[in-house]
Amino acid sequence: MRAKATEAVLAAAAKVLAGAALDERHRLCCALSGGVDSVVLLDALDHLRSRFGFALEAAHVHHGLSPAADGWQAFCEAFCRRRAIPLHVFRVDVPSGRPDGPEAAARAARHAALSRVGCDWLVLGHHRDDQAETVLFRLLRGAGVRGAAAMGAIEPADVPGQAGRLRPLLDIGRETILACAHERGLAWVDDASNADPRFARNDLRHRILPAIEAGFPAARATLARAAAHFRAAAELLDELAVADAAACGGGSGAFARQALLALGPARLANLLRQELRRLGSLPPTTARLDEAIRQLRAVKGPLRLPLGDFACHAYRGRVWLAPTRAIAQQTVSWRPAAGDIAWADGTLRCASATGNGVLASALAQASQCLLMPRPVGPQRLRLADRPAKSFRKLCQEAGIPAWLRGRLPVLEVDGRVAWIGGLGVAADFACAPGQAGWLLAWSPGFTPSEPTGNEPAPPRSEPSSC
C-alpha cells in the first residue's frame, strides 16, 4: 500500500521529464534546500536518470539567515556524496529593507545564485499545494491572467543559453510527497521559519487556506486546476499579441502608430505587455500602462512614456520601446581603424572606403580627433551639397526625436565637427570621388524598423552616402 506514493511521485516526474524530451544530451541541476520536497525530488531524479540518460547535479543556496544553515549545507553535502551527485554550494547575502519583504529578498538572492549554474534545466521541488498557495496569493494581490497562471511544469528558457525550469512534482500534493519520503526511508531537514505566521506565505498556508478548506475541502486541488486554465488563457493572449504585432508592422519591435491605435484598449495593453516581457522588462502597473495608452491616443505629436525599465516612444507615425536607463558616454581620443566601437547603447562601425565617408587625409593630418556626445547648445553643420543648418533642424529632417539626440556620436577634428551619427559628414570633410575615406556607420540599440509612408524613422544604421 505505502509504495503507491513512491509510484505516484515517479510517474509524475517521468511524465514531466518526457514532456521536456530529455535525453543524454541534457544536464539537469536540482535545487536542493534539504527540505522534504527537494529531497524527494532529487531522489526521484536519481532514480530516473538511468532511464532518460541525463546528467544530474544539485545546487544548495546558503542564505545565512538561520543558525541551522551550516547544518543544512552539511546535510545536502552528505546526501549528494552518498548518491555521487555533484553539488554546487552558493553562499549569498540577503539584503535587508527590501520593500516587498525578507521573503522576496531571500527568493531573489536564491534565484540569482541558481542562475549561475551552467545547465540545460533547473529542476525545482514545487508541488500542487505550492501551486494553490501561489494562485491564491497572486489573486489577492490583484494579479492578471498571466500572474494567476502561477508556475508551469515545463518552462523553457526565455533567452537562448539560459536554463529552462522543470517542476516534476507540480501535480503531486504535499501529503503524497511526505508519504513517499517515508516509503523511501529518506531523511530531511526542517526550516522553523516555514511556520512563522509573520511571513505572508506561511500565514496563507497555515491559517487562511485551512479556513477555506473547511468550507471547500478540495480548494487546493481546485486552485491548482484553475492555474492550468489561467495558463491556457495566457498562452492564447500571447498568440493574439504576436498576431497583433505582425498586423501592426512590428517585426523589429516597432509599430505603425495608426494600426496600433486601431486596436481596442485591452488588445493594445496586451500587446505592450508582451513586448515588455520579450525585452526582459517587468510589467508596469495597470494604472501606468492605462495612462500611457491614454496619452498615446490623445497626443498626436512625439511622446516618451515611461513604463518602468523601458519607455514607449512615439514619433512620426512609429511606436517602439526603448530602455529608460541613463546612457553615459565620455569624450574619447580616436584614430580611424577598421572595426566596431561600443557607443552609448549601440555600435559605431568604421571601415575604409573610396570616394565615400570622412576624408582620410584630413584625419591623418589632424592633431586631435575626438569622439564625443552630440553638441550642446546652438550648432550649425553644412552637409555635402546642402546649406548649413542647425543641429536641431538636421535632426528633425532625419527623423531623430529630441530624447534620442543625446546618444548621437560626434567626430570632432581639431575643434571642428566632421561627422555626426545619424546625420552625416560635414561638407569640408567629405570625400570626393576617388579619394580615400573612412566610412562611419552608427547603429543605435532599440530603434524602430522601417518608417510608414514617406515619414523618416529614427536612425537605425547610417546609409553609405553619409
Protein backbone atom coordinates (compact mmCIF):
# COMPACT_ATOMS: atom_id res chain seq x y z
CA MET A 1 0.00 0.00 0.00
CA ARG A 2 2.60 2.53 1.07
CA ALA A 3 4.60 2.11 -2.17
CA LYS A 4 1.79 3.84 -4.03
CA ALA A 5 3.11 7.27 -3.03
CA THR A 6 6.52 6.49 -4.49
CA GLU A 7 4.89 5.19 -7.66
CA ALA A 8 2.83 8.38 -7.95
CA VAL A 9 5.89 10.59 -7.50
CA LEU A 10 7.97 8.68 -10.03
CA ALA A 11 5.13 8.59 -12.58
CA ALA A 12 4.52 12.34 -12.27
CA ALA A 13 8.22 13.15 -12.52
CA ALA A 14 8.71 10.85 -15.52
CA LYS A 15 5.76 12.49 -17.31
CA VAL A 16 7.33 15.94 -16.96
CA LEU A 17 10.79 14.74 -17.95
CA ALA A 18 9.36 13.03 -21.03
CA GLY A 19 7.40 16.18 -21.86
CA ALA A 20 10.68 18.11 -21.88
CA ALA A 21 12.16 15.48 -24.24
CA LEU A 22 15.16 14.87 -22.01
CA ASP A 23 17.95 12.53 -23.04
CA GLU A 24 21.72 12.06 -22.65
CA ARG A 25 22.39 15.48 -24.19
CA HIS A 26 20.84 17.32 -21.27
CA ARG A 27 22.28 18.45 -17.95
CA LEU A 28 19.89 18.91 -15.03
CA CYS A 29 20.53 20.73 -11.77
CA CYS A 30 18.16 20.15 -8.85
CA ALA A 31 17.71 22.99 -6.36
CA LEU A 32 18.33 21.24 -3.03
CA SER A 33 17.39 23.05 0.17
CA GLY A 34 17.43 19.91 2.29
CA GLY A 35 13.67 20.10 2.92
CA VAL A 36 11.43 17.13 2.20
CA ASP A 37 10.23 18.43 -1.17
CA SER A 38 13.68 18.89 -2.68
CA VAL A 39 14.99 15.66 -1.13
CA VAL A 40 12.15 13.61 -2.61
CA LEU A 41 12.65 15.37 -5.94
CA LEU A 42 16.39 14.66 -6.07
CA ASP A 43 15.75 11.06 -5.03
CA ALA A 44 13.27 10.68 -7.89
CA LEU A 45 15.64 12.27 -10.41
CA ASP A 46 18.42 9.97 -9.23
CA HIS A 47 16.11 7.00 -9.79
CA LEU A 48 15.04 8.19 -13.27
CA ARG A 49 18.36 9.33 -14.69
CA SER A 50 19.28 5.86 -15.93
CA ARG A 51 16.00 5.76 -17.89
CA PHE A 52 16.42 9.17 -19.53
CA GLY A 53 20.22 9.38 -19.65
CA PHE A 54 20.55 13.00 -18.47
CA ALA A 55 23.46 14.24 -16.36
CA LEU A 56 22.37 15.17 -12.83
CA GLU A 57 23.79 17.60 -10.30
CA ALA A 58 22.41 19.69 -7.45
CA ALA A 59 22.77 23.19 -6.03
CA HIS A 60 22.32 24.42 -2.47
CA VAL A 61 21.98 28.09 -1.51
CA HIS A 62 23.24 29.04 1.96
CA HIS A 63 21.35 32.22 2.94
CA GLY A 64 22.92 32.58 6.37
CA LEU A 65 19.55 33.64 7.80
CA SER A 66 19.20 30.74 10.23
CA PRO A 67 21.60 29.43 12.91
CA ALA A 68 20.96 25.99 11.40
CA ALA A 69 22.11 27.00 7.90
CA ASP A 70 25.52 25.35 8.23
CA GLY A 71 23.84 22.10 9.27
CA TRP A 72 21.52 22.22 6.24
CA GLN A 73 24.53 22.62 3.97
CA ALA A 74 26.29 19.68 5.64
CA PHE A 75 23.16 17.53 5.22
CA CYS A 76 22.95 18.34 1.48
CA GLU A 77 26.64 17.62 1.01
CA ALA A 78 26.33 14.24 2.71
CA PHE A 79 23.18 13.33 0.76
CA CYS A 80 24.78 14.13 -2.59
CA ARG A 81 28.05 12.43 -1.65
CA ARG A 82 26.21 9.16 -0.94
CA ARG A 83 24.47 9.40 -4.33
CA ALA A 84 27.59 10.51 -6.25
CA ILE A 85 25.73 13.64 -7.37
CA PRO A 86 27.90 16.76 -7.86
CA LEU A 87 26.76 19.60 -5.59
CA HIS A 88 27.22 23.36 -6.05
CA VAL A 89 27.05 25.41 -2.86
CA PHE A 90 26.37 29.15 -3.05
CA ARG A 91 26.67 31.46 -0.06
CA VAL A 92 24.64 34.64 -0.51
CA ASP A 93 23.99 37.79 1.47
CA VAL A 94 20.30 38.68 1.67
CA PRO A 95 19.85 42.47 1.72
CA SER A 96 17.54 43.93 4.34
CA GLY A 97 14.98 46.65 3.89
CA ARG A 98 13.55 45.40 0.60
CA PRO A 99 10.04 46.92 0.12
CA ASP A 100 8.39 43.55 -0.62
CA GLY A 101 9.85 41.94 2.49
CA PRO A 102 12.55 39.45 3.55
CA GLU A 103 10.86 36.52 1.77
CA ALA A 104 11.19 38.27 -1.58
CA ALA A 105 14.76 39.33 -0.81
CA ALA A 106 15.79 35.75 0.00
CA ARG A 107 14.00 34.44 -3.07
CA ALA A 108 15.73 36.96 -5.33
CA ALA A 109 19.14 36.09 -3.87
CA ARG A 110 18.42 32.39 -4.30
CA HIS A 111 17.32 32.76 -7.92
CA ALA A 112 20.35 34.89 -8.74
CA ALA A 113 22.66 32.23 -7.30
CA LEU A 114 20.94 29.34 -9.07
CA SER A 115 21.08 31.18 -12.38
CA ARG A 116 24.88 30.84 -12.23
CA VAL A 117 24.74 27.06 -12.62
CA GLY A 118 25.59 26.02 -16.16
CA CYS A 119 22.84 23.55 -17.01
CA ASP A 120 20.04 22.98 -19.50
CA TRP A 121 17.26 22.70 -16.93
CA LEU A 122 16.98 23.90 -13.36
CA VAL A 123 14.68 21.47 -11.52
CA LEU A 124 12.56 22.79 -8.65
CA GLY A 125 10.55 20.98 -5.99
CA HIS A 126 7.31 22.97 -6.16
CA HIS A 127 4.22 20.80 -5.76
CA ARG A 128 0.44 21.11 -6.06
CA ASP A 129 -0.02 22.76 -2.67
CA ASP A 130 2.63 25.35 -3.56
CA GLN A 131 0.75 25.99 -6.80
CA ALA A 132 -2.54 26.54 -4.95
CA GLU A 133 -0.90 28.92 -2.48
CA THR A 134 0.75 30.84 -5.32
CA VAL A 135 -2.52 31.25 -7.22
CA LEU A 136 -4.37 32.49 -4.14
CA PHE A 137 -1.50 34.74 -3.08
CA ARG A 138 -1.30 36.38 -6.51
CA LEU A 139 -5.05 36.78 -6.88
CA LEU A 140 -5.18 38.52 -3.51
CA ARG A 141 -2.52 40.92 -4.83
CA GLY A 142 -4.55 41.68 -7.95
CA ALA A 143 -2.67 39.57 -10.50
CA GLY A 144 -3.88 39.30 -14.06
CA VAL A 145 -4.26 36.15 -16.14
CA ARG A 146 -0.53 35.57 -16.52
CA GLY A 147 0.17 36.05 -12.82
CA ALA A 148 -2.72 33.77 -11.83
CA ALA A 149 -1.29 31.10 -14.14
CA ALA A 150 1.36 30.71 -11.43
CA MET A 151 4.00 28.07 -12.21
CA GLY A 152 4.40 25.76 -15.19
CA ALA A 153 5.70 22.21 -15.02
CA ILE A 154 7.86 22.87 -18.08
CA GLU A 155 9.10 26.41 -18.69
CA PRO A 156 11.68 26.70 -21.49
CA ALA A 157 14.24 29.48 -21.15
CA ASP A 158 13.17 32.88 -22.46
CA VAL A 159 16.73 33.70 -23.51
CA PRO A 160 18.96 31.33 -25.51
CA GLY A 161 21.80 30.00 -23.38
CA GLN A 162 19.89 30.24 -20.11
CA ALA A 163 18.41 27.27 -18.25
CA GLY A 164 14.77 26.34 -18.50
CA ARG A 165 12.78 25.32 -15.44
CA LEU A 166 11.18 21.98 -14.64
CA ARG A 167 8.78 21.25 -11.79
CA PRO A 168 8.23 17.47 -11.90
CA LEU A 169 6.15 17.40 -8.68
CA LEU A 170 3.67 20.12 -9.62
CA ASP A 171 0.75 17.65 -9.85
CA ILE A 172 1.65 15.94 -6.55
CA GLY A 173 0.25 17.02 -3.17
CA ARG A 174 2.32 17.59 -0.04
CA GLU A 175 0.83 14.55 1.71
CA THR A 176 1.94 12.26 -1.12
CA ILE A 177 5.45 13.71 -1.02
CA LEU A 178 5.68 13.07 2.73
CA ALA A 179 4.37 9.55 2.26
CA CYS A 180 6.95 8.93 -0.47
CA ALA A 181 9.75 10.17 1.81
CA HIS A 182 8.69 7.69 4.50
CA GLU A 183 8.35 4.85 1.99
CA ARG A 184 11.86 5.55 0.69
CA GLY A 185 13.34 5.91 4.18
CA LEU A 186 14.58 9.41 3.37
CA ALA A 187 15.79 11.95 5.91
CA TRP A 188 15.40 15.71 5.52
CA VAL A 189 15.77 18.95 7.44
CA ASP A 190 13.01 21.28 8.63
CA ASP A 191 13.20 25.07 8.47
CA ALA A 192 11.41 26.51 11.51
CA SER A 193 10.79 29.76 9.64
CA ASN A 194 8.30 27.92 7.41
CA ALA A 195 5.87 28.01 10.34
CA ASP A 196 6.38 31.69 11.18
CA PRO A 197 3.00 33.42 10.59
CA ARG A 198 4.70 36.80 10.18
CA PHE A 199 5.56 35.75 6.62
CA ALA A 200 2.63 36.18 4.26
CA ARG A 201 3.01 32.83 2.51
CA ASN A 202 3.17 30.98 5.83
CA ASP A 203 0.03 32.73 7.09
CA LEU A 204 -1.70 31.77 3.86
CA ARG A 205 -0.55 28.15 4.20
CA HIS A 206 -1.28 27.58 7.88
CA ARG A 207 -4.29 29.82 8.59
CA ILE A 208 -6.10 31.10 5.51
CA LEU A 209 -6.10 28.02 3.27
CA PRO A 210 -7.20 25.66 6.09
CA ALA A 211 -10.08 28.05 6.81
CA ILE A 212 -11.08 27.97 3.14
CA GLU A 213 -10.81 24.18 3.09
CA ALA A 214 -13.28 23.98 5.99
CA GLY A 215 -15.95 25.05 3.52
CA PHE A 216 -14.29 23.88 0.30
CA PRO A 217 -12.37 20.66 1.04
CA ALA A 218 -10.89 20.40 -2.45
CA ALA A 219 -9.70 24.02 -2.50
CA ARG A 220 -6.00 23.25 -3.08
CA ALA A 221 -6.66 20.89 -5.98
CA THR A 222 -9.21 23.30 -7.43
CA LEU A 223 -6.86 26.28 -7.24
CA ALA A 224 -4.11 24.26 -8.88
CA ARG A 225 -6.54 23.28 -11.64
CA ALA A 226 -7.52 26.93 -12.05
CA ALA A 227 -3.84 27.77 -12.61
CA ALA A 228 -3.86 25.44 -15.63
CA HIS A 229 -6.91 27.27 -17.01
CA PHE A 230 -5.23 30.64 -16.47
CA ARG A 231 -2.09 29.35 -18.18
CA ALA A 232 -4.08 28.26 -21.24
CA ALA A 233 -5.72 31.69 -21.37
CA ALA A 234 -2.33 33.39 -21.06
CA GLU A 235 -1.00 31.35 -23.99
CA LEU A 236 -3.96 32.46 -26.11
CA LEU A 237 -3.27 36.10 -25.17
CA ASP A 238 0.36 35.63 -26.20
CA GLU A 239 -0.71 34.24 -29.57
CA LEU A 240 -3.08 37.19 -30.02
CA ALA A 241 -0.26 39.63 -29.19
CA VAL A 242 2.04 38.01 -31.76
CA ALA A 243 -0.68 38.30 -34.42
CA ASP A 244 -1.41 41.92 -33.48
CA ALA A 245 2.31 42.80 -33.54
CA ALA A 246 2.63 41.38 -37.06
CA ALA A 247 -0.51 43.23 -38.22
CA CYS A 248 0.91 46.49 -36.86
CA GLY A 249 4.24 46.05 -38.65
CA GLY A 250 6.26 45.32 -35.54
CA GLY A 251 8.63 42.70 -36.87
CA SER A 252 11.62 44.57 -35.37
CA GLY A 253 9.87 45.83 -32.27
CA ALA A 254 8.38 48.98 -33.84
CA PHE A 255 4.79 49.54 -34.84
CA ALA A 256 2.82 51.73 -37.19
CA ARG A 257 1.07 54.12 -34.84
CA GLN A 258 -2.17 54.28 -36.77
CA ALA A 259 -2.51 50.49 -36.89
CA LEU A 260 -1.57 50.20 -33.21
CA LEU A 261 -4.25 52.67 -32.14
CA ALA A 262 -6.86 50.80 -34.18
CA LEU A 263 -6.62 48.02 -31.59
CA GLY A 264 -9.01 48.04 -28.68
CA PRO A 265 -7.68 49.13 -25.27
CA ALA A 266 -7.38 45.58 -23.90
CA ARG A 267 -5.59 44.28 -27.02
CA LEU A 268 -3.22 47.25 -27.09
CA ALA A 269 -2.36 46.74 -23.41
CA ASN A 270 -1.86 43.03 -24.04
CA LEU A 271 0.50 43.75 -26.94
CA LEU A 272 2.60 46.23 -24.96
CA ARG A 273 2.86 43.84 -22.01
CA GLN A 274 4.10 41.05 -24.25
CA GLU A 275 6.65 43.33 -25.90
CA LEU A 276 7.98 44.36 -22.49
CA ARG A 277 8.28 40.70 -21.44
CA ARG A 278 10.08 39.92 -24.70
CA LEU A 279 12.59 42.65 -23.89
CA GLY A 280 13.12 41.25 -20.39
CA SER A 281 11.30 44.01 -18.53
CA LEU A 282 8.96 43.63 -15.59
CA PRO A 283 5.37 44.59 -16.47
CA PRO A 284 4.26 48.09 -15.47
CA THR A 285 1.35 48.69 -13.14
CA THR A 286 -2.07 48.71 -14.74
CA ALA A 287 -2.51 52.38 -13.86
CA ARG A 288 0.76 53.37 -15.56
CA LEU A 289 0.04 51.31 -18.66
CA ASP A 290 -3.50 52.71 -18.93
CA GLU A 291 -2.17 56.26 -18.66
CA ALA A 292 0.44 55.59 -21.36
CA ILE A 293 -2.24 54.26 -23.70
CA ARG A 294 -4.46 57.27 -22.94
CA GLN A 295 -1.68 59.68 -23.85
CA LEU A 296 -0.77 57.64 -26.93
CA ARG A 297 -4.33 58.07 -28.16
CA ALA A 298 -4.80 61.69 -27.09
CA VAL A 299 -1.47 63.28 -28.10
CA LYS A 300 -0.72 63.44 -31.82
CA GLY A 301 2.90 64.58 -31.56
CA PRO A 302 6.10 62.99 -30.18
CA LEU A 303 5.83 61.12 -26.89
CA ARG A 304 8.08 59.36 -24.44
CA LEU A 305 6.05 57.41 -21.88
CA PRO A 306 7.99 55.66 -19.05
CA LEU A 307 6.86 52.09 -18.31
CA GLY A 308 9.42 51.02 -15.74
CA ASP A 309 12.72 49.80 -17.20
CA PHE A 310 11.52 50.76 -20.68
CA ALA A 311 9.67 53.70 -22.19
CA CYS A 312 7.15 53.76 -25.00
CA HIS A 313 8.34 56.14 -27.73
CA ALA A 314 6.05 57.63 -30.38
CA TYR A 315 7.44 59.71 -33.24
CA ARG A 316 6.39 60.37 -36.83
CA GLY A 317 3.95 57.53 -37.16
CA ARG A 318 6.07 54.93 -35.35
CA VAL A 319 5.86 53.50 -31.83
CA TRP A 320 8.61 51.47 -30.15
CA LEU A 321 10.03 50.54 -26.76
CA ALA A 322 13.49 51.55 -25.55
CA PRO A 323 15.34 51.37 -22.21
CA THR A 324 14.88 54.25 -19.80
CA ARG A 325 18.35 53.80 -18.29
CA ALA A 326 20.70 56.75 -18.49
CA ILE A 327 23.35 56.33 -21.16
CA ALA A 328 26.61 57.95 -20.17
CA GLN A 329 29.24 58.38 -22.86
CA GLN A 330 32.53 60.19 -22.35
CA THR A 331 34.60 62.06 -24.89
CA VAL A 332 37.48 59.87 -26.10
CA SER A 333 40.52 60.41 -28.28
CA TRP A 334 40.18 58.42 -31.51
CA ARG A 335 42.10 57.47 -34.62
CA PRO A 336 40.41 55.65 -37.50
CA ALA A 337 40.82 51.89 -37.67
CA ALA A 338 38.60 49.27 -39.20
CA GLY A 339 36.32 47.64 -36.63
CA ASP A 340 33.47 48.26 -34.18
CA ILE A 341 33.34 50.61 -31.20
CA ALA A 342 30.68 50.46 -28.47
CA TRP A 343 28.94 53.82 -28.20
CA ALA A 344 26.02 54.60 -25.89
CA ASP A 345 23.71 51.61 -26.31
CA GLY A 346 24.75 50.92 -29.90
CA THR A 347 27.72 50.27 -32.14
CA LEU A 348 29.93 52.60 -34.18
CA ARG A 349 31.44 50.83 -37.16
CA CYS A 350 34.46 52.14 -39.06
CA ALA A 351 35.58 50.84 -42.47
CA SER A 352 37.88 52.15 -45.19
CA ALA A 353 36.23 53.34 -48.41
CA THR A 354 36.97 55.13 -51.66
CA GLY A 355 35.03 58.24 -52.60
CA ASN A 356 32.85 57.96 -49.53
CA GLY A 357 32.85 58.90 -45.84
CA VAL A 358 35.26 61.20 -43.97
CA LEU A 359 38.36 62.24 -45.91
CA ALA A 360 41.21 60.00 -44.73
CA SER A 361 43.93 62.62 -45.33
CA ALA A 362 42.11 65.13 -43.11
CA LEU A 363 42.10 62.65 -40.25
CA ALA A 364 45.73 61.63 -40.83
CA GLN A 365 46.95 65.26 -40.74
CA ALA A 366 44.84 66.29 -37.74
CA SER A 367 46.46 67.00 -34.38
CA GLN A 368 43.46 65.68 -32.46
CA CYS A 369 40.40 63.58 -33.31
CA LEU A 370 37.73 63.21 -30.65
CA LEU A 371 34.58 61.14 -30.40
CA MET A 372 32.11 62.94 -28.16
CA PRO A 373 28.41 63.14 -27.32
CA ARG A 374 26.31 65.32 -29.56
CA PRO A 375 26.97 69.07 -29.37
CA VAL A 376 25.26 71.09 -26.66
CA GLY A 377 23.67 74.44 -27.47
CA PRO A 378 23.37 76.09 -30.89
CA GLN A 379 25.40 74.30 -33.50
CA ARG A 380 25.28 74.56 -37.29
CA LEU A 381 26.53 72.00 -39.73
CA ARG A 382 26.76 72.03 -43.51
CA LEU A 383 26.40 68.63 -45.07
CA ALA A 384 27.57 67.97 -48.62
CA ASP A 385 25.57 69.89 -51.27
CA ARG A 386 23.27 71.37 -48.62
CA PRO A 387 23.10 74.71 -46.82
CA ALA A 388 24.24 74.99 -43.22
CA LYS A 389 21.51 74.16 -40.74
CA SER A 390 21.16 73.91 -37.00
CA PHE A 391 21.71 70.61 -35.26
CA ARG A 392 18.06 70.64 -34.19
CA LYS A 393 16.82 71.19 -37.72
CA LEU A 394 19.04 68.45 -39.13
CA CYS A 395 17.75 66.02 -36.52
CA GLN A 396 14.16 66.91 -37.31
CA GLU A 397 14.79 66.30 -41.01
CA ALA A 398 16.46 62.97 -40.24
CA GLY A 399 13.58 61.90 -38.01
CA ILE A 400 15.58 61.84 -34.77
CA PRO A 401 13.39 62.85 -31.79
CA ALA A 402 14.77 65.07 -29.07
CA TRP A 403 15.12 62.30 -26.47
CA LEU A 404 17.37 60.26 -28.78
CA ARG A 405 19.74 63.04 -29.77
CA GLY A 406 21.90 62.69 -26.67
CA ARG A 407 23.09 59.30 -27.94
CA LEU A 408 24.48 60.61 -31.23
CA PRO A 409 28.26 60.17 -31.62
CA VAL A 410 30.10 63.23 -32.91
CA LEU A 411 33.53 63.21 -34.55
CA GLU A 412 35.41 66.44 -33.91
CA VAL A 413 38.67 67.06 -35.81
CA ASP A 414 40.89 69.83 -34.44
CA GLY A 415 37.88 71.55 -32.89
CA ARG A 416 35.61 71.24 -35.94
CA VAL A 417 32.68 68.86 -36.31
CA ALA A 418 33.46 66.43 -39.13
CA TRP A 419 30.66 63.90 -38.74
CA ILE A 420 27.57 63.24 -36.62
CA GLY A 421 25.97 59.82 -36.33
CA GLY A 422 22.58 59.66 -37.98
CA LEU A 423 23.19 62.94 -39.85
CA GLY A 424 26.30 62.55 -41.98
CA VAL A 425 29.66 64.08 -42.96
CA ALA A 426 30.36 67.81 -42.89
CA ALA A 427 30.95 69.19 -46.38
CA ASP A 428 34.53 70.30 -45.56
CA PHE A 429 35.47 66.72 -44.58
CA ALA A 430 33.60 64.77 -47.27
CA CYS A 431 35.47 62.56 -49.72
CA ALA A 432 35.49 63.46 -53.39
CA PRO A 433 35.27 60.63 -55.97
CA GLY A 434 38.42 58.54 -55.96
CA GLN A 435 39.68 59.85 -52.62
CA ALA A 436 40.41 57.55 -49.70
CA GLY A 437 37.97 57.85 -46.84
CA TRP A 438 36.72 56.33 -43.64
CA LEU A 439 33.09 55.27 -43.66
CA LEU A 440 31.45 55.65 -40.24
CA ALA A 441 28.11 53.99 -39.50
CA TRP A 442 26.34 54.16 -36.17
CA SER A 443 23.70 51.59 -35.26
CA PRO A 444 21.86 52.57 -32.07
CA GLY A 445 20.11 49.95 -30.00
CA PHE A 446 16.34 49.66 -29.55
CA THR A 447 15.22 51.69 -32.52
CA PRO A 448 12.25 51.03 -34.78
CA SER A 449 12.42 49.35 -38.15
CA GLU A 450 11.08 51.00 -41.27
CA PRO A 451 9.05 54.22 -41.45
CA THR A 452 5.46 54.47 -42.57
CA GLY A 453 4.95 56.08 -45.97
CA ASN A 454 7.35 58.94 -46.52
CA GLU A 455 7.97 59.62 -42.85
CA PRO A 456 11.58 59.08 -41.74
CA ALA A 457 12.19 56.83 -38.75
CA PRO A 458 14.77 57.41 -36.03
CA PRO A 459 18.20 56.19 -37.17
CA ARG A 460 18.88 52.50 -37.45
CA SER A 461 22.19 52.45 -39.24
CA GLU A 462 23.61 55.09 -41.48
CA PRO A 463 23.46 54.71 -45.24
CA SER A 464 26.73 54.68 -47.11
CA SER A 465 26.02 58.14 -48.52
CA CYS A 466 26.76 59.60 -45.09
